[in-house]
Every structure is written in structure tokens, then in C-alpha cells.
N, C-alpha and C. Protein backbone atom coordinates (compact mmCIF):
# COMPACT_ATOMS: atom_id res chain seq x y z
N MET A 1 25.15 -14.65 -21.62
CA MET A 1 23.78 -14.35 -21.29
C MET A 1 23.29 -13.35 -22.32
N ALA A 2 22.01 -13.49 -22.68
CA ALA A 2 21.44 -12.61 -23.69
C ALA A 2 19.93 -12.56 -23.53
N SER A 3 19.30 -11.65 -24.27
CA SER A 3 17.84 -11.55 -24.24
C SER A 3 17.20 -12.28 -25.42
N SER A 4 18.01 -12.96 -26.25
CA SER A 4 17.47 -13.74 -27.37
C SER A 4 18.09 -15.14 -27.36
N SER A 5 17.34 -16.09 -27.87
CA SER A 5 17.80 -17.49 -27.84
C SER A 5 19.00 -17.74 -28.75
N ASP A 6 19.21 -16.87 -29.74
CA ASP A 6 20.39 -17.02 -30.60
C ASP A 6 21.62 -16.30 -30.03
N PHE A 7 21.47 -15.70 -28.85
CA PHE A 7 22.55 -15.01 -28.13
C PHE A 7 23.14 -13.85 -28.94
N GLN A 8 22.29 -13.20 -29.74
CA GLN A 8 22.77 -12.07 -30.53
C GLN A 8 22.32 -10.73 -29.95
N GLN A 9 21.21 -10.71 -29.20
CA GLN A 9 20.70 -9.46 -28.64
C GLN A 9 21.10 -9.31 -27.18
N ASP A 10 21.62 -8.13 -26.83
CA ASP A 10 22.00 -7.80 -25.44
C ASP A 10 22.90 -8.87 -24.85
N ARG A 11 23.89 -9.26 -25.57
CA ARG A 11 24.79 -10.34 -25.15
C ARG A 11 25.81 -9.85 -24.13
N HIS A 12 26.02 -10.68 -23.09
CA HIS A 12 27.03 -10.42 -22.05
C HIS A 12 27.79 -11.72 -21.83
N SER A 13 29.11 -11.68 -22.01
CA SER A 13 29.93 -12.88 -21.83
C SER A 13 30.90 -12.66 -20.68
N PHE A 14 31.06 -13.70 -19.87
CA PHE A 14 31.96 -13.63 -18.72
C PHE A 14 32.80 -14.90 -18.68
N SER A 15 34.02 -14.73 -18.20
CA SER A 15 34.91 -15.87 -18.06
C SER A 15 35.92 -15.54 -16.98
N GLY A 16 36.29 -16.54 -16.22
CA GLY A 16 37.31 -16.31 -15.20
C GLY A 16 36.73 -16.10 -13.83
N SER A 17 37.46 -15.39 -13.01
CA SER A 17 37.10 -15.20 -11.60
C SER A 17 35.84 -14.34 -11.44
N PRO A 18 35.16 -14.48 -10.29
CA PRO A 18 33.94 -13.71 -10.05
C PRO A 18 34.17 -12.19 -10.09
N GLN A 19 35.39 -11.74 -9.84
CA GLN A 19 35.67 -10.31 -9.86
C GLN A 19 35.51 -9.72 -11.26
N LYS A 20 35.54 -10.55 -12.27
CA LYS A 20 35.39 -10.08 -13.66
C LYS A 20 33.92 -9.92 -14.05
N TRP A 21 33.01 -10.39 -13.21
CA TRP A 21 31.59 -10.29 -13.51
C TRP A 21 31.06 -8.94 -13.05
N ASN A 22 30.19 -8.34 -13.84
CA ASN A 22 29.57 -7.05 -13.51
C ASN A 22 28.06 -7.20 -13.55
N ASP A 23 27.37 -6.40 -12.74
CA ASP A 23 25.91 -6.37 -12.82
C ASP A 23 25.52 -5.75 -14.16
N PHE A 24 24.41 -6.21 -14.70
CA PHE A 24 23.91 -5.63 -15.94
C PHE A 24 22.41 -5.84 -16.01
N GLU A 25 21.75 -5.12 -16.91
CA GLU A 25 20.31 -5.24 -17.10
C GLU A 25 20.02 -5.75 -18.49
N LEU A 26 18.99 -6.57 -18.59
CA LEU A 26 18.50 -7.05 -19.87
C LEU A 26 17.06 -6.60 -20.02
N PRO A 27 16.68 -6.13 -21.21
CA PRO A 27 15.26 -5.77 -21.41
C PRO A 27 14.42 -7.04 -21.55
N GLY A 28 13.14 -6.90 -21.32
CA GLY A 28 12.23 -8.02 -21.49
C GLY A 28 12.05 -8.85 -20.24
N ASP A 29 11.39 -10.00 -20.41
CA ASP A 29 11.09 -10.85 -19.27
C ASP A 29 11.73 -12.24 -19.38
N THR A 30 12.69 -12.39 -20.30
CA THR A 30 13.32 -13.69 -20.50
C THR A 30 14.83 -13.53 -20.59
N LEU A 31 15.52 -14.44 -19.94
CA LEU A 31 16.98 -14.46 -19.95
C LEU A 31 17.43 -15.81 -20.52
N TYR A 32 18.35 -15.78 -21.46
CA TYR A 32 18.93 -17.00 -22.01
C TYR A 32 20.38 -17.05 -21.56
N TYR A 33 20.82 -18.21 -21.12
CA TYR A 33 22.23 -18.33 -20.72
C TYR A 33 22.78 -19.67 -21.19
N ARG A 34 24.07 -19.67 -21.34
CA ARG A 34 24.77 -20.89 -21.74
C ARG A 34 26.04 -20.95 -20.90
N PHE A 35 26.29 -22.11 -20.33
CA PHE A 35 27.50 -22.31 -19.54
C PHE A 35 28.34 -23.37 -20.24
N THR A 36 29.58 -23.01 -20.47
CA THR A 36 30.49 -23.94 -21.13
C THR A 36 31.76 -24.03 -20.29
N SER A 37 32.14 -25.25 -19.96
CA SER A 37 33.36 -25.45 -19.17
C SER A 37 34.51 -25.83 -20.09
N ASP A 38 35.71 -25.33 -19.74
CA ASP A 38 36.89 -25.72 -20.52
C ASP A 38 37.59 -26.92 -19.89
N MET A 39 37.01 -27.45 -18.82
CA MET A 39 37.50 -28.64 -18.12
C MET A 39 38.90 -28.48 -17.52
N SER A 40 39.36 -27.25 -17.38
CA SER A 40 40.70 -27.04 -16.85
C SER A 40 40.71 -26.99 -15.32
N ASN A 41 39.56 -26.93 -14.69
CA ASN A 41 39.47 -26.80 -13.25
C ASN A 41 38.48 -27.81 -12.69
N THR A 42 38.50 -27.96 -11.39
CA THR A 42 37.52 -28.84 -10.74
C THR A 42 36.50 -28.04 -9.97
N GLU A 43 36.38 -26.74 -10.27
CA GLU A 43 35.38 -25.89 -9.61
C GLU A 43 33.98 -26.30 -10.06
N TRP A 44 32.99 -25.91 -9.32
CA TRP A 44 31.62 -26.33 -9.61
C TRP A 44 30.95 -25.50 -10.70
N GLY A 45 31.43 -24.31 -11.01
CA GLY A 45 30.81 -23.47 -12.03
C GLY A 45 30.60 -22.06 -11.54
N TYR A 46 29.52 -21.44 -11.95
CA TYR A 46 29.22 -20.07 -11.57
C TYR A 46 27.82 -19.98 -10.99
N LYS A 47 27.66 -19.00 -10.17
CA LYS A 47 26.35 -18.72 -9.58
C LYS A 47 26.00 -17.28 -9.94
N PHE A 48 24.77 -17.06 -10.36
CA PHE A 48 24.34 -15.69 -10.62
C PHE A 48 22.91 -15.50 -10.12
N THR A 49 22.57 -14.27 -9.84
CA THR A 49 21.25 -13.94 -9.31
C THR A 49 20.52 -13.08 -10.33
N VAL A 50 19.27 -13.42 -10.59
CA VAL A 50 18.44 -12.66 -11.51
C VAL A 50 17.37 -11.95 -10.69
N THR A 51 17.25 -10.65 -10.88
CA THR A 51 16.25 -9.87 -10.17
C THR A 51 15.37 -9.18 -11.19
N ALA A 52 14.06 -9.34 -11.05
CA ALA A 52 13.14 -8.71 -12.00
C ALA A 52 13.01 -7.22 -11.72
N GLY A 53 12.71 -6.48 -12.74
CA GLY A 53 12.45 -5.06 -12.60
C GLY A 53 13.70 -4.22 -12.60
N HIS A 54 13.48 -2.93 -12.60
CA HIS A 54 14.58 -1.97 -12.56
C HIS A 54 14.74 -1.46 -11.14
N LEU A 55 15.94 -1.07 -10.80
CA LEU A 55 16.22 -0.65 -9.43
C LEU A 55 15.36 0.53 -8.99
N GLY A 56 15.02 1.44 -9.87
CA GLY A 56 14.29 2.64 -9.48
C GLY A 56 12.79 2.53 -9.54
N ARG A 57 12.25 1.43 -10.03
CA ARG A 57 10.81 1.35 -10.24
C ARG A 57 10.00 1.47 -8.96
N PHE A 58 10.37 0.75 -7.93
CA PHE A 58 9.60 0.80 -6.68
C PHE A 58 9.58 2.22 -6.14
N GLN A 59 10.75 2.85 -6.08
CA GLN A 59 10.85 4.21 -5.55
C GLN A 59 10.02 5.18 -6.38
N THR A 60 10.07 5.04 -7.70
CA THR A 60 9.30 5.93 -8.57
C THR A 60 7.81 5.76 -8.32
N GLY A 61 7.35 4.51 -8.28
CA GLY A 61 5.94 4.25 -8.03
C GLY A 61 5.50 4.76 -6.66
N PHE A 62 6.36 4.56 -5.67
CA PHE A 62 6.06 5.04 -4.32
C PHE A 62 5.87 6.55 -4.31
N GLU A 63 6.80 7.27 -4.93
CA GLU A 63 6.74 8.74 -4.94
C GLU A 63 5.50 9.24 -5.67
N ILE A 64 5.17 8.62 -6.80
CA ILE A 64 4.00 9.04 -7.57
C ILE A 64 2.73 8.80 -6.76
N LEU A 65 2.58 7.61 -6.20
CA LEU A 65 1.38 7.30 -5.43
C LEU A 65 1.27 8.15 -4.17
N LYS A 66 2.39 8.38 -3.51
CA LYS A 66 2.38 9.24 -2.31
C LYS A 66 1.90 10.65 -2.67
N GLN A 67 2.39 11.17 -3.78
CA GLN A 67 1.97 12.51 -4.21
C GLN A 67 0.50 12.55 -4.57
N MET A 68 0.03 11.52 -5.28
CA MET A 68 -1.38 11.47 -5.66
C MET A 68 -2.28 11.39 -4.44
N LEU A 69 -1.87 10.62 -3.44
CA LEU A 69 -2.68 10.49 -2.22
C LEU A 69 -2.65 11.76 -1.38
N SER A 70 -1.68 12.63 -1.62
CA SER A 70 -1.57 13.89 -0.88
C SER A 70 -2.40 15.00 -1.50
N GLU A 71 -2.86 14.80 -2.72
CA GLU A 71 -3.65 15.81 -3.42
C GLU A 71 -5.15 15.55 -3.21
N GLU A 72 -5.79 16.38 -2.39
CA GLU A 72 -7.20 16.17 -2.06
C GLU A 72 -8.09 16.14 -3.29
N ARG A 73 -7.77 16.93 -4.29
CA ARG A 73 -8.61 16.97 -5.50
C ARG A 73 -8.43 15.73 -6.37
N VAL A 74 -7.33 14.99 -6.18
CA VAL A 74 -7.06 13.79 -6.98
C VAL A 74 -7.66 12.54 -6.33
N VAL A 75 -7.66 12.49 -5.02
CA VAL A 75 -8.06 11.28 -4.28
C VAL A 75 -9.44 10.75 -4.71
N PRO A 76 -10.46 11.59 -4.88
CA PRO A 76 -11.77 11.04 -5.27
C PRO A 76 -11.77 10.33 -6.62
N HIS A 77 -10.79 10.59 -7.45
CA HIS A 77 -10.73 9.99 -8.78
C HIS A 77 -9.87 8.73 -8.82
N LEU A 78 -9.26 8.37 -7.70
CA LEU A 78 -8.41 7.18 -7.65
C LEU A 78 -9.23 5.94 -7.33
N PRO A 79 -8.90 4.81 -7.92
CA PRO A 79 -9.57 3.55 -7.57
C PRO A 79 -8.99 3.00 -6.26
N LEU A 80 -9.35 3.65 -5.15
CA LEU A 80 -8.72 3.33 -3.87
C LEU A 80 -8.87 1.87 -3.46
N ALA A 81 -9.99 1.25 -3.77
CA ALA A 81 -10.16 -0.16 -3.39
C ALA A 81 -9.12 -1.04 -4.07
N ARG A 82 -8.87 -0.81 -5.34
CA ARG A 82 -7.87 -1.60 -6.07
C ARG A 82 -6.46 -1.25 -5.61
N ILE A 83 -6.21 0.04 -5.40
CA ILE A 83 -4.88 0.46 -4.91
C ILE A 83 -4.63 -0.15 -3.54
N TRP A 84 -5.64 -0.15 -2.68
CA TRP A 84 -5.53 -0.71 -1.34
C TRP A 84 -5.16 -2.19 -1.41
N GLU A 85 -5.91 -2.93 -2.21
CA GLU A 85 -5.67 -4.37 -2.34
C GLU A 85 -4.24 -4.64 -2.84
N TRP A 86 -3.85 -3.91 -3.85
CA TRP A 86 -2.50 -4.07 -4.41
C TRP A 86 -1.44 -3.70 -3.38
N GLN A 87 -1.65 -2.60 -2.67
CA GLN A 87 -0.65 -2.11 -1.72
C GLN A 87 -0.51 -3.03 -0.52
N VAL A 88 -1.60 -3.63 -0.06
CA VAL A 88 -1.50 -4.62 1.03
C VAL A 88 -0.65 -5.79 0.57
N GLY A 89 -0.87 -6.23 -0.66
CA GLY A 89 -0.05 -7.32 -1.21
C GLY A 89 1.42 -6.95 -1.27
N VAL A 90 1.71 -5.72 -1.67
CA VAL A 90 3.10 -5.25 -1.72
C VAL A 90 3.70 -5.25 -0.32
N ALA A 91 2.96 -4.75 0.66
CA ALA A 91 3.47 -4.70 2.04
C ALA A 91 3.72 -6.09 2.60
N CYS A 92 2.94 -7.07 2.17
CA CYS A 92 3.13 -8.44 2.65
C CYS A 92 4.33 -9.11 1.99
N ARG A 93 4.58 -8.79 0.73
CA ARG A 93 5.67 -9.45 -0.01
C ARG A 93 7.02 -8.79 0.17
N GLN A 94 7.05 -7.48 0.33
CA GLN A 94 8.32 -6.77 0.40
C GLN A 94 8.96 -6.91 1.78
N THR A 95 10.21 -6.51 1.86
CA THR A 95 10.93 -6.49 3.13
C THR A 95 11.67 -5.16 3.22
N GLY A 96 12.25 -4.89 4.37
CA GLY A 96 13.10 -3.72 4.54
C GLY A 96 12.39 -2.40 4.27
N HIS A 97 13.12 -1.48 3.65
CA HIS A 97 12.61 -0.13 3.41
C HIS A 97 11.39 -0.14 2.49
N GLN A 98 11.35 -1.06 1.55
CA GLN A 98 10.21 -1.11 0.65
C GLN A 98 8.94 -1.48 1.40
N ARG A 99 9.03 -2.38 2.37
CA ARG A 99 7.85 -2.72 3.18
C ARG A 99 7.42 -1.51 4.00
N LEU A 100 8.38 -0.78 4.56
CA LEU A 100 8.04 0.41 5.34
C LEU A 100 7.32 1.44 4.47
N LYS A 101 7.80 1.62 3.25
CA LYS A 101 7.17 2.59 2.35
C LYS A 101 5.77 2.13 1.96
N ALA A 102 5.59 0.84 1.75
CA ALA A 102 4.27 0.31 1.42
C ALA A 102 3.31 0.54 2.59
N ILE A 103 3.77 0.33 3.81
CA ILE A 103 2.93 0.57 5.00
C ILE A 103 2.61 2.05 5.13
N HIS A 104 3.57 2.91 4.80
CA HIS A 104 3.33 4.36 4.81
C HIS A 104 2.18 4.71 3.86
N LEU A 105 2.17 4.11 2.67
CA LEU A 105 1.10 4.37 1.72
C LEU A 105 -0.23 3.82 2.22
N LEU A 106 -0.21 2.66 2.87
CA LEU A 106 -1.44 2.11 3.45
C LEU A 106 -2.01 3.08 4.48
N LEU A 107 -1.15 3.64 5.28
CA LEU A 107 -1.59 4.61 6.29
C LEU A 107 -2.24 5.82 5.63
N LYS A 108 -1.64 6.32 4.56
CA LYS A 108 -2.21 7.46 3.84
C LYS A 108 -3.57 7.11 3.25
N ILE A 109 -3.70 5.89 2.73
CA ILE A 109 -4.97 5.47 2.14
C ILE A 109 -6.05 5.39 3.21
N VAL A 110 -5.72 4.82 4.36
CA VAL A 110 -6.70 4.73 5.46
C VAL A 110 -7.16 6.12 5.87
N GLN A 111 -6.24 7.06 5.92
CA GLN A 111 -6.58 8.41 6.36
C GLN A 111 -7.45 9.17 5.37
N CYS A 112 -7.37 8.83 4.09
CA CYS A 112 -8.15 9.59 3.11
C CYS A 112 -9.30 8.80 2.50
N SER A 113 -9.57 7.61 3.02
CA SER A 113 -10.59 6.75 2.41
C SER A 113 -11.90 6.81 3.17
N THR A 114 -12.93 6.28 2.50
CA THR A 114 -14.21 6.08 3.16
C THR A 114 -14.34 4.59 3.46
N GLN A 115 -15.39 4.20 4.13
CA GLN A 115 -15.55 2.80 4.54
C GLN A 115 -15.57 1.86 3.34
N ARG A 116 -16.16 2.28 2.24
CA ARG A 116 -16.29 1.40 1.08
C ARG A 116 -14.99 1.25 0.30
N ASP A 117 -14.04 2.12 0.53
CA ASP A 117 -12.80 2.13 -0.26
C ASP A 117 -11.86 0.98 0.06
N CYS A 118 -11.79 0.57 1.29
CA CYS A 118 -10.77 -0.39 1.69
C CYS A 118 -11.36 -1.59 2.40
N ASP A 119 -10.95 -2.76 1.98
CA ASP A 119 -11.30 -3.98 2.70
C ASP A 119 -10.23 -4.16 3.77
N LEU A 120 -10.52 -3.67 4.96
CA LEU A 120 -9.53 -3.68 6.04
C LEU A 120 -9.18 -5.09 6.50
N THR A 121 -10.02 -6.05 6.18
CA THR A 121 -9.70 -7.43 6.59
C THR A 121 -8.50 -7.97 5.80
N LEU A 122 -8.13 -7.33 4.70
CA LEU A 122 -6.94 -7.74 3.96
C LEU A 122 -5.66 -7.54 4.78
N LEU A 123 -5.76 -6.76 5.84
CA LEU A 123 -4.60 -6.50 6.70
C LEU A 123 -4.24 -7.68 7.59
N LYS A 124 -5.00 -8.76 7.53
CA LYS A 124 -4.79 -9.88 8.45
C LYS A 124 -3.34 -10.39 8.47
N PRO A 125 -2.67 -10.59 7.31
CA PRO A 125 -1.27 -11.06 7.39
C PRO A 125 -0.34 -10.06 8.09
N LEU A 126 -0.60 -8.78 7.88
CA LEU A 126 0.22 -7.76 8.56
C LEU A 126 -0.11 -7.71 10.05
N TRP A 127 -1.37 -7.95 10.38
CA TRP A 127 -1.77 -8.01 11.79
C TRP A 127 -1.07 -9.17 12.49
N GLN A 128 -0.99 -10.32 11.80
CA GLN A 128 -0.31 -11.47 12.38
C GLN A 128 1.17 -11.18 12.58
N LEU A 129 1.79 -10.49 11.63
CA LEU A 129 3.19 -10.09 11.78
C LEU A 129 3.35 -9.16 12.98
N PHE A 130 2.44 -8.20 13.10
CA PHE A 130 2.50 -7.24 14.21
C PHE A 130 2.31 -7.94 15.56
N THR A 131 1.33 -8.83 15.67
CA THR A 131 1.11 -9.52 16.94
C THR A 131 2.29 -10.43 17.28
N HIS A 132 2.91 -11.03 16.28
CA HIS A 132 4.12 -11.83 16.50
C HIS A 132 5.23 -10.94 17.07
N MET A 133 5.39 -9.76 16.51
CA MET A 133 6.41 -8.83 17.00
C MET A 133 6.08 -8.38 18.43
N GLU A 134 4.81 -8.14 18.69
CA GLU A 134 4.38 -7.74 20.03
C GLU A 134 4.67 -8.84 21.04
N ASN A 135 4.37 -10.09 20.68
CA ASN A 135 4.63 -11.21 21.58
C ASN A 135 6.11 -11.36 21.87
N ASN A 136 6.94 -11.20 20.85
CA ASN A 136 8.40 -11.27 21.06
C ASN A 136 8.89 -10.15 21.94
N LEU A 137 8.29 -8.97 21.81
CA LEU A 137 8.67 -7.83 22.64
C LEU A 137 8.33 -8.10 24.11
N CYS A 138 7.15 -8.69 24.34
CA CYS A 138 6.74 -9.00 25.71
C CYS A 138 7.67 -10.03 26.34
N GLN A 139 8.14 -10.99 25.54
CA GLN A 139 9.03 -12.02 26.06
C GLN A 139 10.43 -11.47 26.35
N ASP A 140 10.83 -10.41 25.64
CA ASP A 140 12.17 -9.84 25.81
C ASP A 140 12.17 -8.58 26.66
N MET A 141 11.21 -8.45 27.57
CA MET A 141 11.11 -7.25 28.39
C MET A 141 12.33 -7.05 29.27
N ALA A 142 13.08 -8.11 29.52
CA ALA A 142 14.28 -7.98 30.35
C ALA A 142 15.35 -7.17 29.63
N LYS A 143 15.31 -7.19 28.31
CA LYS A 143 16.30 -6.44 27.52
C LYS A 143 15.67 -5.13 27.06
N PRO A 144 16.12 -4.01 27.60
CA PRO A 144 15.56 -2.74 27.14
C PRO A 144 16.04 -2.45 25.72
N GLY A 145 15.17 -1.87 24.94
CA GLY A 145 15.55 -1.53 23.57
C GLY A 145 14.50 -0.65 22.95
N ILE A 146 14.73 -0.30 21.72
CA ILE A 146 13.76 0.52 20.99
C ILE A 146 13.02 -0.36 20.00
N LEU A 147 11.83 0.08 19.61
CA LEU A 147 11.06 -0.66 18.64
C LEU A 147 11.71 -0.56 17.27
N LEU A 148 11.68 -1.64 16.55
CA LEU A 148 12.18 -1.64 15.19
C LEU A 148 11.28 -0.74 14.33
N PRO A 149 11.82 -0.15 13.27
CA PRO A 149 11.00 0.71 12.41
C PRO A 149 9.74 0.00 11.89
N LEU A 150 9.85 -1.27 11.52
CA LEU A 150 8.69 -2.00 11.04
C LEU A 150 7.63 -2.12 12.14
N HIS A 151 8.07 -2.40 13.35
CA HIS A 151 7.15 -2.53 14.49
C HIS A 151 6.43 -1.20 14.73
N ARG A 152 7.18 -0.10 14.68
CA ARG A 152 6.57 1.22 14.87
C ARG A 152 5.58 1.54 13.75
N ALA A 153 5.96 1.22 12.51
CA ALA A 153 5.08 1.51 11.37
C ALA A 153 3.78 0.72 11.47
N LEU A 154 3.89 -0.56 11.81
CA LEU A 154 2.69 -1.39 11.96
C LEU A 154 1.83 -0.91 13.13
N ALA A 155 2.47 -0.52 14.23
CA ALA A 155 1.73 -0.01 15.38
C ALA A 155 0.92 1.22 14.98
N GLU A 156 1.54 2.13 14.24
CA GLU A 156 0.84 3.33 13.80
C GLU A 156 -0.30 2.98 12.84
N LEU A 157 -0.03 2.08 11.89
CA LEU A 157 -1.06 1.68 10.94
C LEU A 157 -2.28 1.11 11.66
N PHE A 158 -2.06 0.21 12.61
CA PHE A 158 -3.19 -0.42 13.28
C PHE A 158 -3.86 0.52 14.28
N PHE A 159 -3.12 1.45 14.85
CA PHE A 159 -3.73 2.46 15.74
C PHE A 159 -4.68 3.34 14.93
N VAL A 160 -4.21 3.84 13.80
CA VAL A 160 -5.04 4.72 12.96
C VAL A 160 -6.22 3.95 12.38
N THR A 161 -5.97 2.72 11.93
CA THR A 161 -7.04 1.91 11.36
C THR A 161 -8.11 1.61 12.39
N GLU A 162 -7.68 1.28 13.60
CA GLU A 162 -8.66 0.99 14.66
C GLU A 162 -9.50 2.22 14.97
N ASN A 163 -8.88 3.39 15.03
CA ASN A 163 -9.63 4.62 15.25
C ASN A 163 -10.61 4.88 14.12
N ARG A 164 -10.17 4.60 12.90
CA ARG A 164 -11.01 4.82 11.72
C ARG A 164 -12.24 3.92 11.75
N VAL A 165 -12.06 2.64 12.02
CA VAL A 165 -13.22 1.73 12.05
C VAL A 165 -14.10 2.02 13.25
N SER A 166 -13.52 2.52 14.32
CA SER A 166 -14.32 2.90 15.48
C SER A 166 -15.24 4.07 15.12
N GLU A 167 -14.69 5.04 14.38
CA GLU A 167 -15.51 6.18 13.91
C GLU A 167 -16.65 5.70 13.01
N LEU A 168 -16.37 4.69 12.21
CA LEU A 168 -17.37 4.18 11.27
C LEU A 168 -18.34 3.20 11.92
N GLY A 169 -18.08 2.81 13.18
CA GLY A 169 -18.97 1.90 13.90
C GLY A 169 -18.81 0.43 13.52
N THR A 170 -17.66 0.07 12.97
CA THR A 170 -17.44 -1.33 12.54
C THR A 170 -16.25 -1.97 13.26
N LEU A 171 -15.94 -1.50 14.44
CA LEU A 171 -14.77 -1.99 15.17
C LEU A 171 -14.86 -3.48 15.47
N GLN A 172 -16.01 -3.94 15.96
CA GLN A 172 -16.13 -5.34 16.34
C GLN A 172 -15.93 -6.26 15.13
N GLU A 173 -16.54 -5.94 14.00
CA GLU A 173 -16.39 -6.76 12.80
C GLU A 173 -14.94 -6.78 12.34
N TYR A 174 -14.29 -5.64 12.41
CA TYR A 174 -12.89 -5.51 11.99
C TYR A 174 -11.98 -6.38 12.86
N LEU A 175 -12.14 -6.29 14.18
CA LEU A 175 -11.30 -7.06 15.10
C LEU A 175 -11.53 -8.56 14.95
N LEU A 176 -12.77 -8.96 14.75
CA LEU A 176 -13.07 -10.38 14.54
C LEU A 176 -12.46 -10.89 13.24
N ALA A 177 -12.46 -10.06 12.22
CA ALA A 177 -11.92 -10.48 10.91
C ALA A 177 -10.41 -10.62 10.94
N LEU A 178 -9.73 -9.84 11.76
CA LEU A 178 -8.26 -9.88 11.79
C LEU A 178 -7.71 -11.04 12.61
N ASN A 179 -8.44 -11.46 13.60
CA ASN A 179 -7.92 -12.46 14.53
C ASN A 179 -8.37 -13.86 14.15
N THR A 180 -7.55 -14.82 14.52
CA THR A 180 -7.90 -16.22 14.30
C THR A 180 -8.78 -16.69 15.45
N GLU A 181 -9.45 -17.79 15.23
CA GLU A 181 -10.31 -18.35 16.27
C GLU A 181 -9.48 -18.75 17.49
N ASP A 182 -8.29 -19.31 17.25
CA ASP A 182 -7.39 -19.68 18.36
C ASP A 182 -7.02 -18.47 19.20
N HIS A 183 -6.71 -17.38 18.54
CA HIS A 183 -6.33 -16.16 19.28
C HIS A 183 -7.50 -15.68 20.13
N LEU A 184 -8.69 -15.71 19.57
CA LEU A 184 -9.86 -15.26 20.33
C LEU A 184 -10.11 -16.16 21.54
N HIS A 185 -9.89 -17.47 21.38
CA HIS A 185 -10.05 -18.40 22.50
C HIS A 185 -9.01 -18.10 23.60
N ARG A 186 -7.75 -17.86 23.20
CA ARG A 186 -6.72 -17.53 24.19
C ARG A 186 -7.04 -16.25 24.94
N CYS A 187 -7.52 -15.23 24.20
CA CYS A 187 -7.87 -13.96 24.85
C CYS A 187 -9.03 -14.16 25.83
N THR A 188 -9.99 -14.95 25.45
CA THR A 188 -11.13 -15.22 26.32
C THR A 188 -10.68 -15.97 27.57
N ALA A 189 -9.78 -16.93 27.38
CA ALA A 189 -9.25 -17.69 28.52
C ALA A 189 -8.47 -16.80 29.47
N GLN A 190 -7.71 -15.87 28.94
CA GLN A 190 -6.94 -14.95 29.81
C GLN A 190 -7.88 -14.07 30.59
């Protein structure tokens, strides 16, 4: 494997059992690989996983943005609408701790933004995830348990967001934008 098609730059060669393979990083956005069999075995070959980016990038970006959102004198100079849109996308795509951190940043943005800064209707995919989790919780009431961290984070985000839009007088528009027509029909029927 290498970062150049002639296999001269950032070259990594592996042979033998999987235990001989090590994780490594290649610069750039392209990976070149060549697989050659010596025909001595009937194994299927090798499997490898390619992951974009560096391991510390998400954490670094999270820390920088969190700090910037905590500085009152910096917030007015931030393009909050663009950051909001990007961060909602991150929260929808990520999983695990990275999703929790993205939701944490969304919460900070809601708390320091004005009505024009954030298109709250972009939260619709996260709202659907939250309502799905809520429905599953209602069905599993026989089993006592604690809320998952993601469930708690989404509950806090939507609680704060709902209070924020209520203060701004746009609660009805916000709730209509987040819900599907089917959901509204079911609620009306209930």
C-alpha cells in the first residue's frame, strides 16, 4: 500500500498472518494497493479497513468549537447559521461519543443563538431518532432501566430548543416542521 501509483511514496508492505499487519496512516486522499498471491494457500486473501481523517481531528475540532461558543465576545463573530447546519449534519452522521459531543455543541449553539441564527427544522432527523427511542422506551416499560446517554442528550436538546422557540413565539411552526403528517394524524386520533 502506498500514497503514489508507483508505490514509492509512503509504502507499507505486509505478508503472512494478520498479526503481522499494523495500523498506519497515509497522507492525502488516495490509497493505492496491490495484492499478489504466491498461490501456496487456498485462503481468500486479506481484508483491510480504510478510515478517512486523523484520529484526533474530531476531538480537536470539538474542543475548539466548544471553547469558541463559550466566549461571549467571540459568539457574535461566528457564522452560527453555517456552524449550526454543519453540526446538525455531523450529529446525524456520527455515532457513539462523537454524536454525543455534536449534540452537546448543538445545545450550546441553541443557548447562545438568536432566532435568525439556526434553522431549527434541520433537527428533524434527530427528532425522528428521539421519538423512535421514546416509543421503544414506552414499549419496554416492564423492564426498569436508565436512559441511554444519547436519549438523555436528545431529550435535553429538544427540551431547551422547545423552550427557546416558545420564548421566540414560534413554537407551533417549529413543532409542525419537525413532525411528519402521519405523526400529526396519529396524535390527533389519540
